[in-house]
Structures are given as C-alpha cells and as structure tokens.
C-alpha cells in the first residue's frame, strides 16, 4: 500500500497486512480522491477509524491544512504513528488513540468543524448510521462539509444527509454525503 497522489506520492504505508484491517485499495483511493479533488485543498479533515492512516495521509498529501486521526486499537495506532513519522509529514495533524465516540465529543467541546470526514469503520460493526447521528448531534460538519463512507453490506440511510456521489468497487461501496438542506 502506498500514497497514490500529491506531495507524498509513491511512499509506502505500513499496516495493510494487520489482522482485522482491510485497507482501502489504491484504485479505490485514486477514484475517491479524484471525486474529492476540489474539496481537499485547505480543508480540515478527520480520518475516523484511521487504521494505518492511509485516507488522512492521502488528504494531507493532496493539500488538507490539518488532519485529525482517530484510532482506538493500540497496535494500529502505533503503526499509524510510525507511518506519520516515516513520511516526515509537515502539515498539521493530531493523533488520537481513543474511542471514536469519545473523540467526537472532544471535538465538539473544542468547537472543531470538519470539511472532510473519512468514515471507514470495521464493516461488521455497522456503525456508519450511528456515527452520522453523532456528527449532527455534536455539529461537527462544516456547512459545506462532506462525509465519505466506506462499507460493504450496511444500509447507509440518514435523513440529515443527502448523497452527492456513490460508487461500487466489487463488494466495497463508497458514498459521499453532505448535510441535507
């Protein structure tokens, strides 16, 4: 696995072979970041359920101003920290080794709003709709912000959001959402 575009293009990222992980493949990342290309520059991004940090690192590589990485698994968090260090990332970033729900509450208390949120939880937990509710409850998405959901069998449905784009890559699905008007 590697960074597919931007200033860190071609640099390898560790963590794709860890038990319990299923990283976003390069062709999916390439298509996803092509969809988001006009949204990334200068953005405040959140890589929730970050794993190796591949999505957040890709956002920083393509011009995000800052990225917050949230990962609760200690082993994956260590790999995430190693990836950030090895890449010598110059952009601002914050690494949070805690439960996603706790992190969302802390962001709310700090009045942080995100332009881009990457939401790629473990598929078997079916957390996307719950997280979408919390994003609204804690008012964490900027007015023109977007949420990128990656999932397999979950039914992503929330009346507070409308779908901007949707693509399937085999069994994997990507849905890009914005706040409903």
Protein backbone atom coordinates (compact mmCIF):
# COMPACT_ATOMS: atom_id res chain seq x y z
CA UNK A 1 0.00 0.00 0.00
CA UNK A 2 1.27 3.46 -0.88
CA UNK A 3 0.30 7.12 -1.12
CA UNK A 4 -1.21 7.40 -4.60
CA UNK A 5 -1.06 11.15 -5.27
CA UNK A 6 0.14 14.53 -4.08
CA UNK A 7 3.40 15.50 -2.42
CA UNK A 8 3.93 12.11 -0.70
CA UNK A 9 3.04 10.11 -3.83
CA UNK A 10 4.68 6.70 -4.08
CA UNK A 11 5.76 6.40 -0.44
CA UNK A 12 4.81 3.06 1.14
CA UNK A 13 2.41 2.94 4.08
CA UNK A 14 2.63 0.11 6.61
CA UNK A 15 -0.34 -1.64 8.16
CA UNK A 16 -2.16 -3.27 5.28
CA UNK A 17 -1.31 -6.78 6.49
CA UNK A 18 -2.51 -6.44 10.10
CA UNK A 19 -5.17 -8.80 11.39
CA UNK A 20 -8.59 -7.14 11.48
CA UNK A 21 -7.71 -4.48 8.93
CA UNK A 22 -8.82 -4.14 5.35
CA UNK A 23 -7.19 -1.08 3.86
CA UNK A 24 -8.68 0.97 1.07
CA UNK A 25 -7.04 -0.33 -2.09
CA UNK A 26 -5.09 2.02 -4.35
CA UNK A 27 -7.62 2.03 -7.21
CA UNK A 28 -10.43 2.89 -4.77
CA UNK A 29 -8.34 5.67 -3.17
CA UNK A 30 -7.45 7.04 -6.59
CA UNK A 31 -11.10 7.20 -7.64
CA UNK A 32 -12.18 8.60 -4.27
CA UNK A 33 -9.62 11.40 -4.24
CA UNK A 34 -10.46 12.22 -7.83
CA UNK A 35 -14.06 12.75 -6.66
CA UNK A 36 -12.85 14.99 -3.81
CA UNK A 37 -10.12 16.91 -5.63
CA UNK A 38 -11.83 20.32 -5.34
CA UNK A 39 -12.72 19.79 -1.68
CA UNK A 40 -9.31 18.85 -0.27
CA UNK A 41 -7.13 21.96 -0.65
CA UNK A 42 -7.02 23.85 2.68
CA UNK A 43 -9.53 21.51 4.33
CA UNK A 44 -9.80 20.36 7.93
CA UNK A 45 -10.06 16.56 7.67
CA UNK A 46 -10.97 13.77 10.07
CA UNK A 47 -9.85 10.19 9.50
CA UNK A 48 -12.15 8.37 11.92
CA UNK A 49 -11.30 4.69 12.46
CA UNK A 50 -7.95 5.65 10.89
CA UNK A 51 -6.16 2.30 10.96
CA UNK A 52 -2.85 2.91 9.17
CA UNK A 53 -3.93 6.48 8.38
CA UNK A 54 -3.99 5.92 4.62
CA UNK A 55 -7.00 8.15 3.91
CA UNK A 56 -5.92 11.02 6.15
CA UNK A 57 -2.35 10.83 4.86
CA UNK A 58 -3.69 10.95 1.30
CA UNK A 59 -5.73 14.05 2.23
CA UNK A 60 -2.63 15.76 3.69
CA UNK A 61 -0.62 14.75 0.63
CA UNK A 62 -3.22 16.48 -1.56
CA UNK A 63 -3.46 19.75 0.35
CA UNK A 64 -5.54 19.37 3.50
CA UNK A 65 -4.49 22.02 6.02
CA UNK A 66 -4.85 19.70 9.01
CA UNK A 67 -5.99 16.12 9.65
CA UNK A 68 -7.18 14.51 12.86
CA UNK A 69 -6.57 10.75 13.04
CA UNK A 70 -8.65 8.69 15.49
CA UNK A 71 -7.73 5.04 16.11
CA UNK A 72 -8.64 3.05 19.24
CA UNK A 73 -6.58 -0.09 18.55
CA UNK A 74 -3.19 0.36 20.24
CA UNK A 75 -1.28 -1.78 17.71
CA UNK A 76 -2.76 0.06 14.73
CA UNK A 77 -2.20 3.39 16.50
CA UNK A 78 1.49 2.53 16.80
CA UNK A 79 1.61 1.74 13.06
CA UNK A 80 -0.22 5.00 12.31
CA UNK A 81 2.35 6.98 14.33
CA UNK A 82 5.17 5.18 12.54
CA UNK A 83 3.66 6.00 9.12
CA UNK A 84 3.36 9.69 10.01
CA UNK A 85 6.96 9.77 11.29
CA UNK A 86 8.42 7.89 8.31
CA UNK A 87 6.63 10.16 5.83
CA UNK A 88 8.02 13.24 7.63
CA UNK A 89 4.64 14.92 7.30
CA UNK A 90 5.00 18.69 7.56
CA UNK A 91 1.30 19.55 7.62
CA UNK A 92 -0.54 19.88 10.92
CA UNK A 93 -2.00 16.66 12.26
CA UNK A 94 -3.38 15.30 15.52
CA UNK A 95 -3.20 11.64 16.56
CA UNK A 96 -5.87 10.42 18.96
CA UNK A 97 -5.70 6.93 20.47
CA UNK A 98 -9.22 6.66 21.83
CA UNK A 99 -12.75 5.50 21.12
CA UNK A 100 -14.40 7.32 18.20
CA UNK A 101 -17.38 8.46 20.27
CA UNK A 102 -15.14 10.00 22.94
CA UNK A 103 -13.14 11.77 20.23
CA UNK A 104 -16.29 13.19 18.61
CA UNK A 105 -17.43 14.61 21.97
CA UNK A 106 -14.00 16.21 22.48
CA UNK A 107 -14.09 17.78 19.00
CA UNK A 108 -17.50 19.24 19.85
CA UNK A 109 -16.21 20.71 23.12
CA UNK A 110 -13.35 22.30 21.16
CA UNK A 111 -15.76 23.67 18.51
CA UNK A 112 -13.93 21.90 15.68
CA UNK A 113 -15.76 21.66 12.35
CA UNK A 114 -14.60 19.36 9.60
CA UNK A 115 -14.65 19.94 5.85
CA UNK A 116 -13.96 16.26 5.12
CA UNK A 117 -14.70 13.24 7.28
CA UNK A 118 -13.49 9.79 6.25
CA UNK A 119 -15.75 7.21 7.84
CA UNK A 120 -14.41 3.69 7.37
CA UNK A 121 -15.36 1.66 10.47
CA UNK A 122 -14.95 -2.10 10.78
CA UNK A 123 -17.57 -3.44 8.39
CA UNK A 124 -19.05 -5.98 10.79
CA UNK A 125 -19.92 -3.33 13.41
CA UNK A 126 -22.36 -1.40 11.16
CA UNK A 127 -21.52 1.95 12.79
CA UNK A 128 -21.97 4.40 9.94
CA UNK A 129 -25.54 5.49 10.72
CA UNK A 130 -24.72 5.83 14.43
CA UNK A 131 -21.68 8.00 13.63
CA UNK A 132 -23.72 10.13 11.20
CA UNK A 133 -26.20 10.81 14.02
CA UNK A 134 -23.35 11.85 16.32
CA UNK A 135 -21.90 14.16 13.67
CA UNK A 136 -25.24 16.00 13.58
CA UNK A 137 -25.74 15.88 17.37
CA UNK A 138 -22.29 17.38 18.02
CA UNK A 139 -22.45 19.73 14.99
CA UNK A 140 -19.06 18.63 13.65
CA UNK A 141 -19.52 19.02 9.89
CA UNK A 142 -18.85 22.40 8.27
CA UNK A 143 -21.83 23.79 6.34
CA UNK A 144 -20.32 22.69 3.02
CA UNK A 145 -18.53 19.67 4.51
CA UNK A 146 -18.65 16.15 3.14
CA UNK A 147 -18.61 12.71 4.74
CA UNK A 148 -17.02 9.83 2.84
CA UNK A 149 -18.45 6.46 3.91
CA UNK A 150 -16.79 3.17 3.01
CA UNK A 151 -18.77 -0.01 3.68
CA UNK A 152 -19.89 -3.38 2.34
CA UNK A 153 -23.33 -4.57 3.48
CA UNK A 154 -24.54 -1.77 5.73
CA UNK A 155 -27.58 0.27 4.70
CA UNK A 156 -26.40 3.89 4.89
CA UNK A 157 -29.50 5.95 5.42
CA UNK A 158 -29.84 9.17 7.41
CA UNK A 159 -32.39 11.92 6.79
CA UNK A 160 -29.90 14.60 7.86
CA UNK A 161 -27.68 13.86 4.84
CA UNK A 162 -28.05 13.66 1.10
CA UNK A 163 -25.91 11.60 -1.25
CA UNK A 164 -23.58 13.54 -3.54
CA UNK A 165 -21.83 10.56 -5.15
CA UNK A 166 -21.97 6.80 -4.86
CA UNK A 167 -19.74 4.13 -6.41
CA UNK A 168 -19.28 0.40 -6.06
CA UNK A 169 -15.92 -1.37 -6.28
CA UNK A 170 -16.80 -5.05 -6.20
CA UNK A 171 -18.37 -5.65 -2.78
CA UNK A 172 -16.97 -2.36 -1.41
CA UNK A 173 -19.15 0.76 -1.60
CA UNK A 174 -18.23 4.43 -1.31
CA UNK A 175 -20.88 7.04 -0.58
CA UNK A 176 -20.13 10.76 -0.32
CA UNK A 177 -22.66 12.71 1.75
CA UNK A 178 -23.39 16.31 2.64
CA UNK A 179 -25.85 17.87 5.07
CA UNK A 180 -29.42 17.85 3.77
CA UNK A 181 -30.89 21.25 3.09
